[in-house]
Amino acid sequence: MLIVTDRHIKEDLELWEELEEIDLIKIHDLKEEKIQRAISEIKEAAKIKSYISVSWGKDSVVTAHLCYQAGIILPMVWIKETPMENPYCKNVRDNFLKQFDFPYHEIVADYGRSGFAPFLNKNGDSLLFHGIANGVNHAFGRRITGIRNQESNKRLLRYMNYGHTTKNTCAPISLWKTWEIFTYLKMYNLPVHPNYAMLGGGRYDRYHLRVDCLGGTQGNNIGRTEWEKEYYQDILNRISI
């Protein structure tokens, strides 16, 4: 269920309807064995103290719902990076938690007015975020996350070395393709972040759109900067990053 906002243009919503029709057709291609494999990985991982890491993007919503299907009611944790967080993540959050009763926690990573830059290491990773994440892992246990191999070579290498689950992390949808994620969302009528339908009337591919923080450089090579300026210029101006 797409969360519609006044940032969507008419052409975006028309295109989204067409894409959802395709998702509906593909439900028959989403193999039940793949869903059950993910549920099995979650059940095994949750034998020790664990939590669900969420960003309120498509992958974490699917992962959280798979935990629900597994009958595993674990704490959910969102590390909210402010002031750059996407304003519609909370809409996805509210919609999901209205349907599914999980113990829920939000932890704020506050970058202040300086933005990301002072907190990044030489690899472009946020020291603040990872410091907080390490603390969350210590407090809540093993992280169950929606990371997938298709998202990056680094994640693929992680899977090749360790499989779905390591001492600290379980990634039950590692092997899922992006079309399977959108099809699963449609199958269960789960809340879908508005970003995925901000398609420039067809100039942007929903497979490449993200819901994490505004600003920064991650994803610039696939047009992130141009897309953000088109849909979120007012917020970029306000946070001045």
Foldseek 3Di string as FASTA:
>chain_A
DEDDDPLADPLLVVVVVVLLVVLQVCLVVQDPVLLVQLLVLLVVQVVDFEEEEDLLALLSLVSVVSCVVNVHQAEYEYAAEPPFAFPCSVVLVVQSCVPPPHRYYYHYQYPDLPPQVVQADPVRDGVSVVVVVVVCCVVGNAYEYRDECVVDVVLVVVCVVPNQDDRRYGHSCHHPDPSSSSSSCSVVVRYHYNQLSLCVSPVRHSVLTDRGGPDDCPSVVRPNVVSCCSRPVVVCVVSVD
